């Protein structure tokens, strides 16, 4: 989901443009940023000081060729962000109307990006160094593996994969072909979330006992009627690896994520964002136990991903992670409720709690936020611009803030919850071997991969 530049980022960019400033001016900037963001003064002073340090800048000629694959709203937003760092040379979508609209948007001085319906033709272009993968979830893996084999660096939308098994395959492809892959869980590039995770990691809350994630409830509707396939849409290609069905408008484009065939509902949508932050703060590879409860059942002939649910994880050290849905939130954006049960994350320890989402950070005691961390404190990977971090790593070949392994582990947390919802069983997970063990393990492990409809299996990108 696209996020606009934060107030803090504006101040950081401004600081970068003016390296020689007085202490008085510096403090004034901190005051302005603190008022705009609600972040503590000590944290902002550290951030702005880092921003004012001399940094290498790309030259005007250092603008790689970029191709967008998946021309919906998210893809368009990603391409807008990427256009600050590279040239949009090609756009690809199986819906001609989508790709034509985006090609027009990125036409510069009469020169339009080339249009494609088959992403494999895009990957053949030597002048394309970077791929933006904003396809629906069930296409992420084949596009990512194909791009890796073609030697293209990838910015891939979240969740990284449709299944856990796909994640392991994507990791192998990325490592084998030595490409850079950034997962689009952009909350890791938010100072607000990083601050919350650093405070948790440094035991500002004492011993962490529990994290609670609130997600928007999914759509629950239907039954839906079939309709003629729009002339501009290649419906067979869009369905890809999934079973072939008649066209239903609600299956496609913006609401695809509420069908199990193509996604996993809000558990793998907003859950990919907030579970990633919980993973970052807790710092352990994965939980060892998961159980779930469906609070409503899908309507026959309608959306079939679970819409209202509870998922409970337990880690080896006893930390509990609870996932709860709230129907009074937006599935397409971060809405803050007045009664406090909002889309976001609450960390609770023996010495207090911290609440964080895209709009705010709060604590049970303001001193938990305002007291500076010591110089010896644990510091997490710093990025204030997710797309910018990706392009920096393309140049340096360093790992980005949401490297493929992180994207896989964050997505796997969501998939574990989705599998528990489908089986209805309490399950045990071995994080190192990435296998379910114990009771009901065979049934649960069967959900780690899905049968892929030919020709849209792994052979499609060999």
Foldseek 3Di string as FASTA:
>chain_A
DDDDAAPLVVLLVVLLVPLDDDPVVLLVSLVVSCVRAVFASVLSSVSSNVSSPDDDDDDPVQAAEEEEEAQAPVSLSLVVQSVVRHQDAEYEDLQQVRRVVSQVVRQDPNRTHHYYHDCLVVLVDPRHQEYEAPAFQACLLLSLLLNLVSNHAYEYEPLNHLFLVSLVVSVVSCVVSLHAYFYPLCCLLASQLQLVLLLLQQCLQPPWAEKEFEWAFFDADDQFDADDDDPRHPQVVSLFFFDDDGHTPCCDDPNVQLASSGHATRLRPLVLNQLLSVCSNVVDLAFFKKAKDQPDQHDVNDRHHGGFMKMWTAHPVNHIYIYGYDNPADNVDFDDDPVGSGRWMWIHHPRWIWTDDPRDIDIPDCCSRHVDDDPPGDHADHHNRQSVQSSVCNVVSDHGNCTSSSSSSSSVNSNVHSLNHVVNDIWTADSVVGFTDDPPRVVSRVRNDDRTDPPSDSVVSD
